[in-house]
Amino acid sequence: MIQRFRVLLVGAAFQPRLVLSCCLIDRGWKGRVRVSQCGCMGLCAKGPNVMIYPQKSWFSAVTSEDANDIITRIESMLEK
């Protein structure tokens, strides 16, 4: 069974969302990893936030520069 992940961006994080989406496409993860935006999940004051679901791995105060760390985390989860 193929494991699927959702990367949820919480808050007004257009640029990180664009960077993450491009990185996922470049790596051929389309269909396995989906980037989407959602409403507040209780940490908006620390935002923009990213959560990798269903693992609930959180990143707060995200900028485009954090994309590599997020991609690395997703990659390690895909290898399991």
PDB file of N, CA and C in Angstrom:
ATOM      1  N   MET A   1       0.841  -1.178   0.000  1.00  0.00           N
ATOM      2  CA  MET A   1       0.000   0.000   0.000  1.00  0.00           C
ATOM      3  C   MET A   1       0.891   1.247   0.000  1.00  0.00           C
ATOM      4  N   ILE A   2       0.573   2.202  -0.863  1.00  0.00           N
ATOM      5  CA  ILE A   2       1.319   3.446  -0.947  1.00  0.00           C
ATOM      6  C   ILE A   2       0.880   4.361   0.180  1.00  0.00           C
ATOM      7  N   GLN A   3       1.866   4.846   0.920  1.00  0.00           N
ATOM      8  CA  GLN A   3       1.555   5.780   2.006  1.00  0.00           C
ATOM      9  C   GLN A   3       1.412   7.180   1.425  1.00  0.00           C
ATOM     10  N   ARG A   4       0.385   7.899   1.848  1.00  0.00           N
ATOM     11  CA  ARG A   4       0.117   9.241   1.343  1.00  0.00           C
ATOM     12  C   ARG A   4       0.194  10.243   2.496  1.00  0.00           C
ATOM     13  N   PHE A   5       0.635  11.453   2.146  1.00  0.00           N
ATOM     14  CA  PHE A   5       0.799  12.511   3.125  1.00  0.00           C
ATOM     15  C   PHE A   5       0.112  13.769   2.634  1.00  0.00           C
ATOM     16  N   ARG A   6      -0.314  14.577   3.562  1.00  0.00           N
ATOM     17  CA  ARG A   6      -0.852  15.893   3.240  1.00  0.00           C
ATOM     18  C   ARG A   6      -0.029  16.914   4.007  1.00  0.00           C
ATOM     19  N   VAL A   7       0.420  17.931   3.297  1.00  0.00           N
ATOM     20  CA  VAL A   7       1.149  19.038   3.906  1.00  0.00           C
ATOM     21  C   VAL A   7       0.158  20.188   4.013  1.00  0.00           C
ATOM     22  N   LEU A   8      -0.236  20.507   5.227  1.00  0.00           N
ATOM     23  CA  LEU A   8      -1.227  21.553   5.467  1.00  0.00           C
ATOM     24  C   LEU A   8      -0.525  22.849   5.824  1.00  0.00           C
ATOM     25  N   LEU A   9      -0.823  23.911   5.100  1.00  0.00           N
ATOM     26  CA  LEU A   9      -0.300  25.223   5.408  1.00  0.00           C
ATOM     27  C   LEU A   9      -1.390  26.009   6.102  1.00  0.00           C
ATOM     28  N   VAL A  10      -1.087  26.481   7.283  1.00  0.00           N
ATOM     29  CA  VAL A  10      -2.040  27.219   8.098  1.00  0.00           C
ATOM     30  C   VAL A  10      -1.616  28.675   8.121  1.00  0.00           C
ATOM     31  N   GLY A  11      -2.486  29.560   7.719  1.00  0.00           N
ATOM     32  CA  GLY A  11      -2.171  30.979   7.691  1.00  0.00           C
ATOM     33  C   GLY A  11      -1.855  31.434   6.274  1.00  0.00           C
ATOM     34  N   ALA A  12      -1.570  32.692   6.139  1.00  0.00           N
ATOM     35  CA  ALA A  12      -1.311  33.286   4.821  1.00  0.00           C
ATOM     36  C   ALA A  12       0.125  33.006   4.406  1.00  0.00           C
ATOM     37  N   ALA A  13       0.344  31.841   3.852  1.00  0.00           N
ATOM     38  CA  ALA A  13       1.704  31.415   3.518  1.00  0.00           C
ATOM     39  C   ALA A  13       1.814  31.081   2.035  1.00  0.00           C
ATOM     40  N   PHE A  14       1.505  32.055   1.184  1.00  0.00           N
ATOM     41  CA  PHE A  14       1.492  31.778  -0.247  1.00  0.00           C
ATOM     42  C   PHE A  14       2.856  31.352  -0.766  1.00  0.00           C
ATOM     43  N   GLN A  15       3.902  32.089  -0.443  1.00  0.00           N
ATOM     44  CA  GLN A  15       5.226  31.774  -0.984  1.00  0.00           C
ATOM     45  C   GLN A  15       5.734  30.403  -0.529  1.00  0.00           C
ATOM     46  N   PRO A  16       5.701  30.064   0.767  1.00  0.00           N
ATOM     47  CA  PRO A  16       6.116  28.705   1.146  1.00  0.00           C
ATOM     48  C   PRO A  16       5.274  27.631   0.472  1.00  0.00           C
ATOM     49  N   ARG A  17       4.006  27.884   0.282  1.00  0.00           N
ATOM     50  CA  ARG A  17       3.136  26.915  -0.381  1.00  0.00           C
ATOM     51  C   ARG A  17       3.590  26.683  -1.819  1.00  0.00           C
ATOM     52  N   LEU A  18       3.905  27.752  -2.518  1.00  0.00           N
ATOM     53  CA  LEU A  18       4.363  27.647  -3.904  1.00  0.00           C
ATOM     54  C   LEU A  18       5.684  26.890  -3.989  1.00  0.00           C
ATOM     55  N   VAL A  19       6.615  27.215  -3.104  1.00  0.00           N
ATOM     56  CA  VAL A  19       7.921  26.543  -3.094  1.00  0.00           C
ATOM     57  C   VAL A  19       7.755  25.057  -2.793  1.00  0.00           C
ATOM     58  N   LEU A  20       6.961  24.720  -1.783  1.00  0.00           N
ATOM     59  CA  LEU A  20       6.746  23.309  -1.439  1.00  0.00           C
ATOM     60  C   LEU A  20       6.079  22.555  -2.583  1.00  0.00           C
ATOM     61  N   SER A  21       5.084  23.155  -3.196  1.00  0.00           N
ATOM     62  CA  SER A  21       4.395  22.498  -4.310  1.00  0.00           C
ATOM     63  C   SER A  21       5.356  22.196  -5.447  1.00  0.00           C
ATOM     64  N   CYS A  22       6.212  23.151  -5.782  1.00  0.00           N
ATOM     65  CA  CYS A  22       7.194  22.948  -6.854  1.00  0.00           C
ATOM     66  C   CYS A  22       8.190  21.853  -6.488  1.00  0.00           C
ATOM     67  N   CYS A  23       8.637  21.826  -5.242  1.00  0.00           N
ATOM     68  CA  CYS A  23       9.578  20.790  -4.793  1.00  0.00           C
ATOM     69  C   CYS A  23       8.959  19.401  -4.892  1.00  0.00           C
ATOM     70  N   LEU A  24       7.697  19.282  -4.524  1.00  0.00           N
ATOM     71  CA  LEU A  24       7.024  17.985  -4.576  1.00  0.00           C
ATOM     72  C   LEU A  24       6.874  17.494  -6.013  1.00  0.00           C
ATOM     73  N   ILE A  25       6.543  18.387  -6.908  1.00  0.00           N
ATOM     74  CA  ILE A  25       6.411  18.024  -8.319  1.00  0.00           C
ATOM     75  C   ILE A  25       7.761  17.608  -8.883  1.00  0.00           C
ATOM     76  N   ASP A  26       8.808  18.376  -8.561  1.00  0.00           N
ATOM     77  CA  ASP A  26      10.166  18.062  -9.041  1.00  0.00           C
ATOM     78  C   ASP A  26      10.622  16.682  -8.602  1.00  0.00           C
ATOM     79  N   ARG A  27      10.194  16.245  -7.434  1.00  0.00           N
ATOM     80  CA  ARG A  27      10.611  14.946  -6.903  1.00  0.00           C
ATOM     81  C   ARG A  27       9.686  13.795  -7.331  1.00  0.00           C
ATOM     82  N   GLY A  28       8.648  14.120  -8.071  1.00  0.00           N
ATOM     83  CA  GLY A  28       7.740  13.085  -8.546  1.00  0.00           C
ATOM     84  C   GLY A  28       6.814  12.545  -7.473  1.00  0.00           C
ATOM     85  N   TRP A  29       6.531  13.347  -6.461  1.00  0.00           N
ATOM     86  CA  TRP A  29       5.691  12.903  -5.353  1.00  0.00           C
ATOM     87  C   TRP A  29       4.221  13.227  -5.553  1.00  0.00           C
ATOM     88  N   LYS A  30       3.868  13.825  -6.688  1.00  0.00           N
ATOM     89  CA  LYS A  30       2.461  14.153  -6.938  1.00  0.00           C
ATOM     90  C   LYS A  30       1.646  12.865  -6.860  1.00  0.00           C
ATOM     91  N   GLY A  31       0.564  12.898  -6.132  1.00  0.00           N
ATOM     92  CA  GLY A  31      -0.257  11.713  -5.894  1.00  0.00           C
ATOM     93  C   GLY A  31       0.077  11.035  -4.579  1.00  0.00           C
ATOM     94  N   ARG A  32       1.281  11.265  -4.066  1.00  0.00           N
ATOM     95  CA  ARG A  32       1.667  10.713  -2.762  1.00  0.00           C
ATOM     96  C   ARG A  32       1.676  11.780  -1.684  1.00  0.00           C
ATOM     97  N   VAL A  33       2.009  13.015  -2.071  1.00  0.00           N
ATOM     98  CA  VAL A  33       2.073  14.132  -1.125  1.00  0.00           C
ATOM     99  C   VAL A  33       1.267  15.278  -1.722  1.00  0.00           C
ATOM    100  N   ARG A  34       0.391  15.835  -0.912  1.00  0.00           N
ATOM    101  CA  ARG A  34      -0.468  16.921  -1.380  1.00  0.00           C
ATOM    102  C   ARG A  34      -0.273  18.141  -0.493  1.00  0.00           C
ATOM    103  N   VAL A  35      -0.127  19.298  -1.109  1.00  0.00           N
ATOM    104  CA  VAL A  35      -0.004  20.556  -0.380  1.00  0.00           C
ATOM    105  C   VAL A  35      -1.355  21.248  -0.449  1.00  0.00           C
ATOM    106  N   SER A  36      -1.889  21.608   0.699  1.00  0.00           N
ATOM    107  CA  SER A  36      -3.162  22.321   0.729  1.00  0.00           C
ATOM    108  C   SER A  36      -3.162  23.319   1.872  1.00  0.00           C
ATOM    109  N   GLN A  37      -4.090  24.254   1.814  1.00  0.00           N
ATOM    110  CA  GLN A  37      -4.201  25.275   2.846  1.00  0.00           C
ATOM    111  C   GLN A  37      -5.416  24.966   3.700  1.00  0.00           C
ATOM    112  N   CYS A  38      -5.334  25.280   4.985  1.00  0.00           N
ATOM    113  CA  CYS A  38      -6.465  25.045   5.871  1.00  0.00           C
ATOM    114  C   CYS A  38      -6.617  26.214   6.833  1.00  0.00           C
ATOM    115  N   GLY A  39      -7.672  26.192   7.590  1.00  0.00           N
ATOM    116  CA  GLY A  39      -7.935  27.238   8.575  1.00  0.00           C
ATOM    117  C   GLY A  39      -7.118  27.040   9.838  1.00  0.00           C
ATOM    118  N   CYS A  40      -7.362  27.859  10.807  1.00  0.00           N
ATOM    119  CA  CYS A  40      -6.614  27.834  12.062  1.00  0.00           C
ATOM    120  C   CYS A  40      -6.751  26.490  12.772  1.00  0.00           C
ATOM    121  N   MET A  41      -5.610  26.007  13.282  1.00  0.00           N
ATOM    122  CA  MET A  41      -5.599  24.758  14.049  1.00  0.00           C
ATOM    123  C   MET A  41      -5.075  25.010  15.463  1.00  0.00           C
ATOM    124  N   GLY A  42      -5.173  26.271  15.916  1.00  0.00           N
ATOM    125  CA  GLY A  42      -4.799  26.606  17.279  1.00  0.00           C
ATOM    126  C   GLY A  42      -3.417  27.200  17.458  1.00  0.00           C
ATOM    127  N   LEU A  43      -2.616  27.265  16.397  1.00  0.00           N
ATOM    128  CA  LEU A  43      -1.270  27.829  16.515  1.00  0.00           C
ATOM    129  C   LEU A  43      -1.060  29.008  15.580  1.00  0.00           C
ATOM    130  N   CYS A  44      -2.121  29.679  15.207  1.00  0.00           N
ATOM    131  CA  CYS A  44      -2.024  30.778  14.245  1.00  0.00           C
ATOM    132  C   CYS A  44      -1.090  31.894  14.716  1.00  0.00           C
ATOM    133  N   ALA A  45      -1.005  32.108  16.009  1.00  0.00           N
ATOM    134  CA  ALA A  45      -0.130  33.148  16.533  1.00  0.00           C
ATOM    135  C   ALA A  45       1.339  32.850  16.247  1.00  0.00           C
ATOM    136  N   LYS A  46       1.675  31.578  16.000  1.00  0.00           N
ATOM    137  CA  LYS A  46       3.051  31.176  15.708  1.00  0.00           C
ATOM    138  C   LYS A  46       3.267  30.978  14.210  1.00  0.00           C
ATOM    139  N   GLY A  47       2.305  31.358  13.398  1.00  0.00           N
ATOM    140  CA  GLY A  47       2.301  31.051  11.974  1.00  0.00           C
ATOM    141  C   GLY A  47       3.151  31.962  11.127  1.00  0.00           C
ATOM    142  N   PRO A  48       3.192  31.661   9.844  1.00  0.00           N
ATOM    143  CA  PRO A  48       2.495  30.552   9.221  1.00  0.00           C
ATOM    144  C   PRO A  48       3.044  29.206   9.692  1.00  0.00           C
ATOM    145  N   ASN A  49       2.176  28.229   9.733  1.00  0.00           N
ATOM    146  CA  ASN A  49       2.520  26.893  10.215  1.00  0.00           C
ATOM    147  C   ASN A  49       2.350  25.866   9.106  1.00  0.00           C
ATOM    148  N   VAL A  50       3.101  24.794   9.213  1.00  0.00           N
ATOM    149  CA  VAL A  50       2.972  23.663   8.304  1.00  0.00           C
ATOM    150  C   VAL A  50       2.832  22.415   9.154  1.00  0.00           C
ATOM    151  N   MET A  51       1.859  21.572   8.800  1.00  0.00           N
ATOM    152  CA  MET A  51       1.714  20.286   9.469  1.00  0.00           C
ATOM    153  C   MET A  51       1.730  19.195   8.414  1.00  0.00           C
ATOM    154  N   ILE A  52       2.549  18.181   8.638  1.00  0.00           N
ATOM    155  CA  ILE A  52       2.551  17.010   7.775  1.00  0.00           C
ATOM    156  C   ILE A  52       1.604  16.015   8.424  1.00  0.00           C
ATOM    157  N   TYR A  53       0.573  15.665   7.675  1.00  0.00           N
ATOM    158  CA  TYR A  53      -0.498  14.824   8.203  1.00  0.00           C
ATOM    159  C   TYR A  53      -0.493  13.494   7.464  1.00  0.00           C
ATOM    160  N   PRO A  54      -0.679  12.387   8.089  1.00  0.00           N
ATOM    161  CA  PRO A  54      -1.261  12.153   9.406  1.00  0.00           C
ATOM    162  C   PRO A  54      -0.242  12.097  10.548  1.00  0.00           C
ATOM    163  N   GLN A  55       1.035  12.316  10.284  1.00  0.00           N
ATOM    164  CA  GLN A  55       2.056  12.206  11.324  1.00  0.00           C
ATOM    165  C   GLN A  55       2.035  13.355  12.321  1.00  0.00           C
ATOM    166  N   LYS A  56       1.365  14.441  11.989  1.00  0.00           N
ATOM    167  CA  LYS A  56       1.263  15.623  12.852  1.00  0.00           C
ATOM    168  C   LYS A  56       2.628  16.199  13.193  1.00  0.00           C
ATOM    169  N   SER A  57       3.487  16.276  12.220  1.00  0.00           N
ATOM    170  CA  SER A  57       4.801  16.896  12.363  1.00  0.00           C
ATOM    171  C   SER A  57       4.638  18.385  12.047  1.00  0.00           C
ATOM    172  N   TRP A  58       4.924  19.262  13.031  1.00  0.00           N
ATOM    173  CA  TRP A  58       4.667  20.694  12.929  1.00  0.00           C
ATOM    174  C   TRP A  58       5.920  21.499  12.659  1.00  0.00           C
ATOM    175  N   PHE A  59       5.774  22.536  11.863  1.00  0.00           N
ATOM    176  CA  PHE A  59       6.787  23.566  11.657  1.00  0.00           C
ATOM    177  C   PHE A  59       6.074  24.891  11.860  1.00  0.00           C
ATOM    178  N   SER A  60       6.640  25.789  12.637  1.00  0.00           N
ATOM    179  CA  SER A  60       6.016  27.091  12.901  1.00  0.00           C
ATOM    180  C   SER A  60       6.898  28.212  12.376  1.00  0.00           C
ATOM    181  N   ALA A  61       6.291  29.382  12.166  1.00  0.00           N
ATOM    182  CA  ALA A  61       6.964  30.567  11.628  1.00  0.00           C
ATOM    183  C   ALA A  61       7.701  30.221  10.332  1.00  0.00           C
ATOM    184  N   VAL A  62       7.011  29.508   9.459  1.00  0.00           N
ATOM    185  CA  VAL A  62       7.596  28.987   8.227  1.00  0.00           C
ATOM    186  C   VAL A  62       7.816  30.090   7.198  1.00  0.00           C
ATOM    187  N   THR A  63       8.974  30.015   6.548  1.00  0.00           N
ATOM    188  CA  THR A  63       9.283  30.868   5.405  1.00  0.00           C
ATOM    189  C   THR A  63       9.693  29.950   4.250  1.00  0.00           C
ATOM    190  N   SER A  64       9.904  30.520   3.096  1.00  0.00           N
ATOM    191  CA  SER A  64      10.326  29.731   1.936  1.00  0.00           C
ATOM    192  C   SER A  64      11.648  29.013   2.198  1.00  0.00           C
ATOM    193  N   GLU A  65      12.493  29.604   3.039  1.00  0.00           N
ATOM    194  CA  GLU A  65      13.788  28.998   3.358  1.00  0.00           C
ATOM    195  C   GLU A  65      13.648  27.691   4.139  1.00  0.00           C
ATOM    196  N   ASP A  66      12.499  27.448   4.738  1.00  0.00           N
ATOM    197  CA  ASP A  66      12.263  26.217   5.501  1.00  0.00           C
ATOM    198  C   ASP A  66      11.846  25.042   4.618  1.00  0.00           C
ATOM    199  N   ALA A  67      11.636  25.278   3.335  1.00  0.00           N
ATOM    200  CA  ALA A  67      11.141  24.229   2.442  1.00  0.00           C
ATOM    201  C   ALA A  67      12.048  23.005   2.439  1.00  0.00           C
ATOM    202  N   ASN A  68      13.372  23.200   2.424  1.00  0.00           N
ATOM    203  CA  ASN A  68      14.288  22.050   2.395  1.00  0.00           C
ATOM    204  C   ASN A  68      14.138  21.176   3.629  1.00  0.00           C
ATOM    205  N   ASP A  69      13.989  21.791   4.797  1.00  0.00           N
ATOM    206  CA  ASP A  69      13.801  21.012   6.031  1.00  0.00           C
ATOM    207  C   ASP A  69      12.488  20.230   5.989  1.00  0.00           C
ATOM    208  N   ILE A  70      11.450  20.845   5.460  1.00  0.00           N
ATOM    209  CA  ILE A  70      10.149  20.184   5.374  1.00  0.00           C
ATOM    210  C   ILE A  70      10.222  19.031   4.369  1.00  0.00           C
ATOM    211  N   ILE A  71      10.855  19.270   3.229  1.00  0.00           N
ATOM    212  CA  ILE A  71      11.011  18.227   2.210  1.00  0.00           C
ATOM    213  C   ILE A  71      11.836  17.068   2.757  1.00  0.00           C
ATOM    214  N   THR A  72      12.889  17.369   3.492  1.00  0.00           N
ATOM    215  CA  THR A  72      13.716  16.313   4.098  1.00  0.00           C
ATOM    216  C   THR A  72      12.889  15.466   5.053  1.00  0.00           C
ATOM    217  N   ARG A  73      12.038  16.101   5.847  1.00  0.00           N
ATOM    218  CA  ARG A  73      11.180  15.368   6.780  1.00  0.00           C
ATOM    219  C   ARG A  73      10.215  14.458   6.023  1.00  0.00           C
ATOM    220  N   ILE A  74       9.609  14.984   4.976  1.00  0.00           N
ATOM    221  CA  ILE A  74       8.680  14.177   4.172  1.00  0.00           C
ATOM    222  C   ILE A  74       9.428  13.006   3.541  1.00  0.00           C
ATOM    223  N   GLU A  75      10.605  13.276   3.017  1.00  0.00           N
ATOM    224  CA  GLU A  75      11.403  12.229   2.380  1.00  0.00           C
ATOM    225  C   GLU A  75      11.709  11.087   3.351  1.00  0.00           C
ATOM    226  N   SER A  76      12.050  11.425   4.587  1.00  0.00           N
ATOM    227  CA  SER A  76      12.345  10.386   5.577  1.00  0.00           C
ATOM    228  C   SER A  76      11.089   9.562   5.902  1.00  0.00           C
ATOM    229  N   MET A  77       9.933  10.207   5.877  1.00  0.00           N
ATOM    230  CA  MET A  77       8.676   9.492   6.128  1.00  0.00           C
ATOM    231  C   MET A  77       8.312   8.582   4.957  1.00  0.00           C
ATOM    232  N   LEU A  78       8.602   9.020   3.745  1.00  0.00           N
ATOM    233  CA  LEU A  78       8.300   8.212   2.562  1.00  0.00           C
ATOM    234  C   LEU A  78       9.174   6.962   2.504  1.00  0.00           C
ATOM    235  N   GLU A  79      10.369   7.033   3.082  1.00  0.00           N
ATOM    236  CA  GLU A  79      11.306   5.904   3.050  1.00  0.00           C
ATOM    237  C   GLU A  79      10.923   4.821   4.032  1.00  0.00           C
ATOM    238  N   LYS A  80      10.071   5.111   5.002  1.00  0.00           N
ATOM    239  CA  LYS A  80       9.701   4.123   6.025  1.00  0.00           C
ATOM    240  C   LYS A  80       8.759   3.087   5.471  1.00  0.00           C
TER     241      LYS A  80
END
